[in-house]
Amino acid sequence: MFRRQQRGFTLIELIIVIVILGILAAIALPKFLNLQRDARIAQLAAMEGSMKAAAAIVYGKALAAGTVDTNSANVVFAVNSDGVTNVTLDYGYPEGGTNNGIVQVVDYKPTDWTVTNNSTTNTTTFQWRNVTNCTVSYTSAAAAGGRPTITVTNTGC
């Protein structure tokens, strides 16, 4: 006669496995949260690069067309790409502080970014998904020969 032995895990073994899984989860969770912050900071860096590239392309096209104006601050310039017809310029670069400048030439998803314009300081701020202090700000060139200023704030990401 054969006897079948039942084998399984003891209660102690199960508790040890649960404790080990808990320790691993406690180690992995902060790493995961840090990756989310790193991803938001990477989005800011991508937006900064997009602004720099867009401003340089518009400036180059304005320079080639002879529409870089050193006397007046604003010139309307046709870009004719991706549905953009006119971009308001400050000394050849896209203007900040309105929806007719840098906002026209930067490719962004409105569901990911909140855009705020300040016409007093000629600054346009892109805020990542309404996260406080997770922004990229673009300020128009202040004088002929000057360049726009792009400021990244990532303390709240």
N, C-alpha and C. Protein backbone atom coordinates (compact mmCIF):
# COMPACT_ATOMS: atom_id res chain seq x y z
N MET A 1 0.82 -1.16 0.00
CA MET A 1 0.00 0.00 0.00
C MET A 1 0.89 1.25 0.00
N PHE A 2 0.57 2.13 -0.93
CA PHE A 2 1.35 3.36 -1.03
C PHE A 2 0.67 4.48 -0.26
N ARG A 3 1.49 5.22 0.40
CA ARG A 3 0.98 6.37 1.14
C ARG A 3 1.34 7.65 0.40
N ARG A 4 0.36 8.49 0.17
CA ARG A 4 0.67 9.77 -0.49
C ARG A 4 0.90 10.81 0.59
N GLN A 5 2.05 11.45 0.45
CA GLN A 5 2.33 12.52 1.41
C GLN A 5 1.92 13.85 0.79
N GLN A 6 1.26 14.63 1.57
CA GLN A 6 0.92 15.97 1.11
C GLN A 6 2.04 16.90 1.51
N ARG A 7 2.45 17.68 0.56
CA ARG A 7 3.52 18.63 0.84
C ARG A 7 3.01 20.02 0.51
N GLY A 8 3.42 20.95 1.25
CA GLY A 8 3.03 22.33 1.03
C GLY A 8 3.97 23.24 1.80
N PHE A 9 3.65 24.49 1.79
CA PHE A 9 4.46 25.44 2.53
C PHE A 9 3.97 25.54 3.96
N THR A 10 4.92 25.68 4.84
CA THR A 10 4.53 25.88 6.24
C THR A 10 4.19 27.35 6.44
N LEU A 11 3.57 27.64 7.53
CA LEU A 11 3.20 29.02 7.84
C LEU A 11 4.43 29.90 7.96
N ILE A 12 5.49 29.39 8.53
CA ILE A 12 6.73 30.14 8.69
C ILE A 12 7.30 30.50 7.32
N GLU A 13 7.31 29.55 6.41
CA GLU A 13 7.85 29.83 5.06
C GLU A 13 7.02 30.90 4.35
N LEU A 14 5.73 30.84 4.48
CA LEU A 14 4.87 31.85 3.86
C LEU A 14 5.12 33.23 4.46
N ILE A 15 5.28 33.32 5.75
CA ILE A 15 5.55 34.60 6.40
C ILE A 15 6.89 35.16 5.94
N ILE A 16 7.89 34.30 5.82
CA ILE A 16 9.21 34.76 5.36
C ILE A 16 9.11 35.31 3.94
N VAL A 17 8.39 34.66 3.05
CA VAL A 17 8.22 35.14 1.68
C VAL A 17 7.51 36.49 1.67
N ILE A 18 6.47 36.64 2.47
CA ILE A 18 5.74 37.91 2.53
C ILE A 18 6.63 39.03 3.05
N VAL A 19 7.45 38.75 4.06
CA VAL A 19 8.37 39.76 4.60
C VAL A 19 9.38 40.16 3.53
N ILE A 20 9.92 39.19 2.80
CA ILE A 20 10.89 39.50 1.74
C ILE A 20 10.25 40.36 0.65
N LEU A 21 9.02 40.02 0.25
CA LEU A 21 8.32 40.83 -0.75
C LEU A 21 8.05 42.24 -0.24
N GLY A 22 7.72 42.37 1.03
CA GLY A 22 7.52 43.69 1.62
C GLY A 22 8.78 44.53 1.60
N ILE A 23 9.90 43.91 1.90
CA ILE A 23 11.19 44.63 1.88
C ILE A 23 11.51 45.07 0.46
N LEU A 24 11.32 44.19 -0.50
CA LEU A 24 11.57 44.54 -1.90
C LEU A 24 10.67 45.68 -2.36
N ALA A 25 9.41 45.65 -1.97
CA ALA A 25 8.48 46.72 -2.33
C ALA A 25 8.90 48.05 -1.70
N ALA A 26 9.37 48.01 -0.46
CA ALA A 26 9.81 49.23 0.22
C ALA A 26 11.03 49.83 -0.47
N ILE A 27 11.85 49.00 -1.06
CA ILE A 27 13.03 49.48 -1.78
C ILE A 27 12.64 49.99 -3.17
N ALA A 28 11.73 49.31 -3.84
CA ALA A 28 11.36 49.65 -5.21
C ALA A 28 10.48 50.88 -5.31
N LEU A 29 9.61 51.11 -4.34
CA LEU A 29 8.68 52.23 -4.41
C LEU A 29 9.37 53.59 -4.51
N PRO A 30 10.35 53.90 -3.67
CA PRO A 30 11.03 55.20 -3.83
C PRO A 30 11.74 55.33 -5.19
N LYS A 31 12.28 54.23 -5.69
CA LYS A 31 12.91 54.27 -7.01
C LYS A 31 11.89 54.62 -8.08
N PHE A 32 10.71 54.01 -7.99
CA PHE A 32 9.64 54.28 -8.95
C PHE A 32 9.21 55.74 -8.88
N LEU A 33 9.03 56.27 -7.68
CA LEU A 33 8.62 57.66 -7.53
C LEU A 33 9.68 58.60 -8.08
N ASN A 34 10.94 58.27 -7.88
CA ASN A 34 12.03 59.09 -8.40
C ASN A 34 12.04 59.06 -9.92
N LEU A 35 11.66 57.95 -10.53
CA LEU A 35 11.61 57.88 -11.98
C LEU A 35 10.53 58.81 -12.53
N GLN A 36 9.42 58.96 -11.83
CA GLN A 36 8.39 59.88 -12.28
C GLN A 36 8.91 61.32 -12.26
N ARG A 37 9.64 61.68 -11.22
CA ARG A 37 10.23 63.03 -11.16
C ARG A 37 11.23 63.21 -12.29
N ASP A 38 12.06 62.20 -12.51
CA ASP A 38 13.03 62.27 -13.60
C ASP A 38 12.34 62.42 -14.95
N ALA A 39 11.21 61.76 -15.13
CA ALA A 39 10.47 61.86 -16.39
C ALA A 39 9.92 63.28 -16.58
N ARG A 40 9.41 63.89 -15.51
CA ARG A 40 8.91 65.26 -15.61
C ARG A 40 10.04 66.23 -15.92
N ILE A 41 11.19 66.03 -15.30
CA ILE A 41 12.34 66.89 -15.58
C ILE A 41 12.80 66.71 -17.03
N ALA A 42 12.73 65.49 -17.53
CA ALA A 42 13.08 65.24 -18.94
C ALA A 42 12.10 65.95 -19.87
N GLN A 43 10.83 66.01 -19.51
CA GLN A 43 9.85 66.74 -20.31
C GLN A 43 10.19 68.23 -20.35
N LEU A 44 10.64 68.78 -19.22
CA LEU A 44 11.04 70.18 -19.19
C LEU A 44 12.24 70.42 -20.09
N ALA A 45 13.21 69.51 -20.04
CA ALA A 45 14.40 69.64 -20.89
C ALA A 45 14.02 69.56 -22.37
N ALA A 46 13.08 68.69 -22.70
CA ALA A 46 12.62 68.58 -24.09
C ALA A 46 11.94 69.87 -24.54
N MET A 47 11.11 70.46 -23.67
CA MET A 47 10.44 71.72 -24.01
C MET A 47 11.46 72.84 -24.17
N GLU A 48 12.47 72.87 -23.30
CA GLU A 48 13.52 73.88 -23.42
C GLU A 48 14.23 73.75 -24.77
N GLY A 49 14.58 72.54 -25.14
CA GLY A 49 15.24 72.30 -26.42
C GLY A 49 14.35 72.68 -27.59
N SER A 50 13.07 72.38 -27.48
CA SER A 50 12.13 72.73 -28.53
C SER A 50 12.03 74.24 -28.70
N MET A 51 12.02 74.96 -27.57
CA MET A 51 11.96 76.43 -27.64
C MET A 51 13.21 77.00 -28.28
N LYS A 52 14.37 76.49 -27.88
CA LYS A 52 15.63 76.98 -28.45
C LYS A 52 15.69 76.73 -29.95
N ALA A 53 15.30 75.52 -30.36
CA ALA A 53 15.34 75.18 -31.78
C ALA A 53 14.35 76.02 -32.57
N ALA A 54 13.13 76.17 -32.06
CA ALA A 54 12.11 76.95 -32.76
C ALA A 54 12.54 78.41 -32.89
N ALA A 55 13.09 78.97 -31.82
CA ALA A 55 13.54 80.36 -31.86
C ALA A 55 14.67 80.54 -32.87
N ALA A 56 15.60 79.59 -32.92
CA ALA A 56 16.72 79.67 -33.86
C ALA A 56 16.25 79.54 -35.30
N ILE A 57 15.32 78.63 -35.55
CA ILE A 57 14.80 78.45 -36.91
C ILE A 57 14.06 79.71 -37.38
N VAL A 58 13.21 80.25 -36.52
CA VAL A 58 12.47 81.46 -36.89
C VAL A 58 13.43 82.62 -37.11
N TYR A 59 14.43 82.74 -36.24
CA TYR A 59 15.41 83.83 -36.40
C TYR A 59 16.16 83.67 -37.72
N GLY A 60 16.58 82.45 -38.05
CA GLY A 60 17.29 82.22 -39.31
C GLY A 60 16.43 82.57 -40.51
N LYS A 61 15.15 82.20 -40.45
CA LYS A 61 14.25 82.51 -41.56
C LYS A 61 13.99 84.01 -41.64
N ALA A 62 13.86 84.66 -40.49
CA ALA A 62 13.66 86.12 -40.48
C ALA A 62 14.90 86.83 -41.00
N LEU A 63 16.07 86.32 -40.65
CA LEU A 63 17.32 86.92 -41.11
C LEU A 63 17.46 86.76 -42.62
N ALA A 64 17.15 85.57 -43.12
CA ALA A 64 17.24 85.33 -44.57
C ALA A 64 16.23 86.17 -45.35
N ALA A 65 15.08 86.42 -44.76
CA ALA A 65 14.06 87.22 -45.42
C ALA A 65 14.27 88.71 -45.23
N GLY A 66 15.24 89.08 -44.41
CA GLY A 66 15.52 90.49 -44.17
C GLY A 66 14.48 91.17 -43.29
N THR A 67 13.81 90.39 -42.45
CA THR A 67 12.77 90.98 -41.60
C THR A 67 13.19 91.11 -40.14
N VAL A 68 14.49 91.00 -39.88
CA VAL A 68 14.96 91.23 -38.52
C VAL A 68 15.00 92.75 -38.34
N ASP A 69 14.14 93.24 -37.47
CA ASP A 69 13.99 94.69 -37.30
C ASP A 69 14.71 95.13 -36.04
N THR A 70 15.66 96.02 -36.17
CA THR A 70 16.41 96.48 -35.00
C THR A 70 15.77 97.70 -34.35
N ASN A 71 14.84 98.37 -35.02
CA ASN A 71 14.24 99.57 -34.45
C ASN A 71 12.96 99.28 -33.68
N SER A 72 12.08 98.52 -34.31
CA SER A 72 10.81 98.27 -33.64
C SER A 72 10.83 96.88 -33.03
N ALA A 73 10.01 96.66 -32.04
CA ALA A 73 10.05 95.40 -31.29
C ALA A 73 9.24 94.29 -31.95
N ASN A 74 8.25 94.64 -32.76
CA ASN A 74 7.36 93.61 -33.27
C ASN A 74 7.28 93.63 -34.79
N VAL A 75 7.43 92.46 -35.38
CA VAL A 75 7.26 92.28 -36.82
C VAL A 75 6.45 91.01 -37.02
N VAL A 76 5.46 91.05 -37.89
CA VAL A 76 4.69 89.84 -38.18
C VAL A 76 5.39 89.11 -39.31
N PHE A 77 5.60 87.83 -39.11
CA PHE A 77 6.42 87.04 -40.02
C PHE A 77 5.70 85.74 -40.35
N ALA A 78 5.55 85.43 -41.63
CA ALA A 78 4.86 84.20 -42.04
C ALA A 78 5.83 83.02 -41.99
N VAL A 79 5.49 81.99 -41.26
CA VAL A 79 6.32 80.80 -41.16
C VAL A 79 5.87 79.74 -42.16
N ASN A 80 4.55 79.60 -42.35
CA ASN A 80 3.97 78.66 -43.30
C ASN A 80 4.40 77.21 -43.09
N SER A 81 4.41 76.75 -41.87
CA SER A 81 4.69 75.34 -41.60
C SER A 81 3.74 74.86 -40.52
N ASP A 82 3.20 73.69 -40.69
CA ASP A 82 2.28 73.10 -39.72
C ASP A 82 1.09 74.01 -39.40
N GLY A 83 0.63 74.73 -40.39
CA GLY A 83 -0.53 75.58 -40.19
C GLY A 83 -0.22 76.92 -39.56
N VAL A 84 1.02 77.19 -39.21
CA VAL A 84 1.39 78.47 -38.62
C VAL A 84 1.52 79.49 -39.74
N THR A 85 0.77 80.57 -39.66
CA THR A 85 0.83 81.56 -40.73
C THR A 85 1.59 82.80 -40.32
N ASN A 86 1.43 83.25 -39.10
CA ASN A 86 2.10 84.47 -38.66
C ASN A 86 2.67 84.29 -37.26
N VAL A 87 3.86 84.78 -37.08
CA VAL A 87 4.51 84.76 -35.77
C VAL A 87 4.97 86.19 -35.50
N THR A 88 4.59 86.71 -34.35
CA THR A 88 5.04 88.05 -33.97
C THR A 88 6.44 87.94 -33.41
N LEU A 89 7.34 88.80 -33.90
CA LEU A 89 8.74 88.73 -33.53
C LEU A 89 9.16 89.91 -32.66
N ASP A 90 10.14 89.65 -31.81
CA ASP A 90 10.88 90.69 -31.10
C ASP A 90 12.32 90.56 -31.54
N TYR A 91 12.77 91.52 -32.34
CA TYR A 91 14.14 91.55 -32.85
C TYR A 91 14.52 90.25 -33.55
N GLY A 92 13.60 89.71 -34.33
CA GLY A 92 13.86 88.52 -35.13
C GLY A 92 13.52 87.21 -34.47
N TYR A 93 13.32 87.20 -33.17
CA TYR A 93 12.97 85.97 -32.43
C TYR A 93 11.47 85.97 -32.13
N PRO A 94 10.87 84.81 -31.95
CA PRO A 94 9.44 84.79 -31.58
C PRO A 94 9.20 85.55 -30.29
N GLU A 95 8.09 86.24 -30.26
CA GLU A 95 7.74 87.06 -29.10
C GLU A 95 7.22 86.18 -27.96
N GLY A 96 7.51 86.60 -26.74
CA GLY A 96 6.93 85.99 -25.56
C GLY A 96 5.83 86.88 -25.03
N GLY A 97 4.94 86.33 -24.23
CA GLY A 97 3.89 87.13 -23.61
C GLY A 97 2.59 87.17 -24.39
N THR A 98 2.54 86.56 -25.57
CA THR A 98 1.32 86.49 -26.36
C THR A 98 1.19 85.09 -26.97
N ASN A 99 0.03 84.81 -27.50
CA ASN A 99 -0.17 83.53 -28.20
C ASN A 99 0.31 83.58 -29.64
N ASN A 100 0.79 84.74 -30.09
CA ASN A 100 1.23 84.90 -31.49
C ASN A 100 2.73 84.72 -31.67
N GLY A 101 3.45 84.42 -30.60
CA GLY A 101 4.90 84.29 -30.69
C GLY A 101 5.37 82.85 -30.55
N ILE A 102 6.09 82.58 -29.48
CA ILE A 102 6.69 81.26 -29.27
C ILE A 102 5.63 80.17 -29.19
N VAL A 103 4.44 80.48 -28.73
CA VAL A 103 3.37 79.49 -28.62
C VAL A 103 3.00 78.95 -30.00
N GLN A 104 3.12 79.80 -31.03
CA GLN A 104 2.79 79.39 -32.40
C GLN A 104 3.78 78.36 -32.96
N VAL A 105 5.04 78.44 -32.58
CA VAL A 105 6.06 77.62 -33.25
C VAL A 105 6.56 76.44 -32.42
N VAL A 106 6.17 76.35 -31.15
CA VAL A 106 6.57 75.22 -30.32
C VAL A 106 5.48 74.15 -30.41
N ASP A 107 5.89 72.92 -30.66
CA ASP A 107 4.94 71.82 -30.73
C ASP A 107 4.75 71.25 -29.33
N TYR A 108 3.53 71.33 -28.82
CA TYR A 108 3.25 70.83 -27.47
C TYR A 108 1.81 70.33 -27.43
N LYS A 109 1.53 69.46 -26.46
CA LYS A 109 0.17 68.96 -26.27
C LYS A 109 -0.53 69.82 -25.22
N PRO A 110 -1.63 70.44 -25.56
CA PRO A 110 -2.35 71.25 -24.58
C PRO A 110 -2.84 70.44 -23.37
N THR A 111 -2.96 69.12 -23.51
CA THR A 111 -3.37 68.31 -22.36
C THR A 111 -2.23 68.12 -21.38
N ASP A 112 -0.99 68.33 -21.83
CA ASP A 112 0.17 68.16 -20.96
C ASP A 112 0.70 69.47 -20.40
N TRP A 113 0.46 70.56 -21.10
CA TRP A 113 1.05 71.85 -20.71
C TRP A 113 -0.03 72.91 -20.55
N THR A 114 0.13 73.73 -19.52
CA THR A 114 -0.70 74.92 -19.34
C THR A 114 0.14 76.12 -19.73
N VAL A 115 -0.37 76.95 -20.63
CA VAL A 115 0.37 78.10 -21.13
C VAL A 115 -0.17 79.37 -20.49
N THR A 116 0.75 80.17 -19.94
CA THR A 116 0.40 81.45 -19.32
C THR A 116 1.25 82.54 -19.96
N ASN A 117 0.60 83.61 -20.41
CA ASN A 117 1.31 84.74 -21.02
C ASN A 117 1.30 85.94 -20.08
N ASN A 118 2.43 86.62 -20.01
CA ASN A 118 2.54 87.86 -19.24
C ASN A 118 3.05 88.93 -20.20
N SER A 119 2.15 89.78 -20.68
CA SER A 119 2.52 90.78 -21.67
C SER A 119 3.37 91.90 -21.07
N THR A 120 3.33 92.08 -19.77
CA THR A 120 4.15 93.12 -19.12
C THR A 120 5.63 92.77 -19.20
N THR A 121 5.97 91.51 -18.95
CA THR A 121 7.37 91.09 -18.97
C THR A 121 7.74 90.36 -20.27
N ASN A 122 6.80 90.27 -21.22
CA ASN A 122 7.01 89.54 -22.47
C ASN A 122 7.46 88.10 -22.22
N THR A 123 6.79 87.45 -21.29
CA THR A 123 7.15 86.09 -20.90
C THR A 123 5.98 85.14 -21.13
N THR A 124 6.29 83.99 -21.71
CA THR A 124 5.33 82.91 -21.86
C THR A 124 5.83 81.75 -21.03
N THR A 125 4.98 81.20 -20.18
CA THR A 125 5.36 80.11 -19.30
C THR A 125 4.56 78.86 -19.63
N PHE A 126 5.27 77.76 -19.83
CA PHE A 126 4.66 76.45 -20.04
C PHE A 126 4.81 75.67 -18.73
N GLN A 127 3.67 75.30 -18.14
CA GLN A 127 3.68 74.57 -16.87
C GLN A 127 3.25 73.13 -17.12
N TRP A 128 4.04 72.16 -16.62
CA TRP A 128 3.77 70.74 -16.86
C TRP A 128 2.60 70.26 -16.03
N ARG A 129 1.53 69.89 -16.68
CA ARG A 129 0.34 69.27 -16.09
C ARG A 129 -0.09 69.89 -14.75
N ASN A 130 -0.06 71.19 -14.67
CA ASN A 130 -0.47 71.92 -13.46
C ASN A 130 0.33 71.54 -12.22
N VAL A 131 1.58 71.13 -12.40
CA VAL A 131 2.45 70.84 -11.27
C VAL A 131 3.19 72.12 -10.92
N THR A 132 3.03 72.60 -9.70
CA THR A 132 3.65 73.85 -9.27
C THR A 132 5.17 73.74 -9.34
N ASN A 133 5.81 74.79 -9.79
CA ASN A 133 7.27 74.88 -9.92
C ASN A 133 7.85 73.79 -10.81
N CYS A 134 7.14 73.49 -11.88
CA CYS A 134 7.61 72.54 -12.90
C CYS A 134 7.33 73.22 -14.24
N THR A 135 8.13 74.25 -14.57
CA THR A 135 7.82 75.13 -15.70
C THR A 135 9.04 75.42 -16.56
N VAL A 136 8.74 75.86 -17.78
CA VAL A 136 9.74 76.43 -18.69
C VAL A 136 9.20 77.78 -19.13
N SER A 137 9.99 78.84 -18.94
CA SER A 137 9.56 80.19 -19.29
C SER A 137 10.42 80.74 -20.41
N TYR A 138 9.77 81.44 -21.34
CA TYR A 138 10.42 82.05 -22.49
C TYR A 138 10.19 83.55 -22.41
N THR A 139 11.26 84.34 -22.37
CA THR A 139 11.16 85.79 -22.33
C THR A 139 11.79 86.36 -23.59
N SER A 140 11.08 87.27 -24.24
CA SER A 140 11.53 87.84 -25.52
C SER A 140 12.89 88.50 -25.41
N ALA A 141 13.55 88.61 -26.56
CA ALA A 141 14.79 89.38 -26.64
C ALA A 141 14.48 90.81 -26.26
N ALA A 142 15.34 91.41 -25.44
CA ALA A 142 15.07 92.75 -24.92
C ALA A 142 15.60 93.86 -25.81
N ALA A 143 16.58 93.54 -26.67
CA ALA A 143 17.19 94.58 -27.51
C ALA A 143 17.73 93.94 -28.78
N ALA A 144 18.04 94.81 -29.74
CA ALA A 144 18.64 94.32 -30.98
C ALA A 144 19.94 93.59 -30.68
N GLY A 145 20.12 92.45 -31.31
CA GLY A 145 21.32 91.65 -31.06
C GLY A 145 21.20 90.75 -29.86
N GLY A 146 20.15 90.93 -29.07
CA GLY A 146 19.94 90.09 -27.90
C GLY A 146 19.23 88.80 -28.26
N ARG A 147 19.19 87.90 -27.32
CA ARG A 147 18.53 86.62 -27.52
C ARG A 147 17.43 86.45 -26.48
N PRO A 148 16.47 85.62 -26.78
CA PRO A 148 15.45 85.34 -25.76
C PRO A 148 16.06 84.55 -24.60
N THR A 149 15.42 84.67 -23.45
CA THR A 149 15.86 83.95 -22.26
C THR A 149 14.90 82.81 -21.98
N ILE A 150 15.44 81.62 -21.79
CA ILE A 150 14.63 80.45 -21.47
C ILE A 150 15.04 79.96 -20.09
N THR A 151 14.07 79.90 -19.18
CA THR A 151 14.34 79.54 -17.79
C THR A 151 13.56 78.29 -17.42
N VAL A 152 14.25 77.31 -16.86
CA VAL A 152 13.62 76.06 -16.42
C VAL A 152 13.53 76.08 -14.90
N THR A 153 12.34 75.80 -14.37
CA THR A 153 12.15 75.67 -12.92
C THR A 153 11.65 74.25 -12.66
N ASN A 154 12.48 73.45 -11.97
CA ASN A 154 12.09 72.05 -11.75
C ASN A 154 12.06 71.66 -10.27
N THR A 155 11.95 72.64 -9.39
CA THR A 155 11.96 72.35 -7.96
C THR A 155 10.69 71.64 -7.49
N GLY A 156 9.60 71.77 -8.25
CA GLY A 156 8.36 71.14 -7.83
C GLY A 156 8.01 69.87 -8.58
N CYS A 157 8.88 69.48 -9.48
CA CYS A 157 8.59 68.28 -10.28
C CYS A 157 8.68 67.06 -9.41
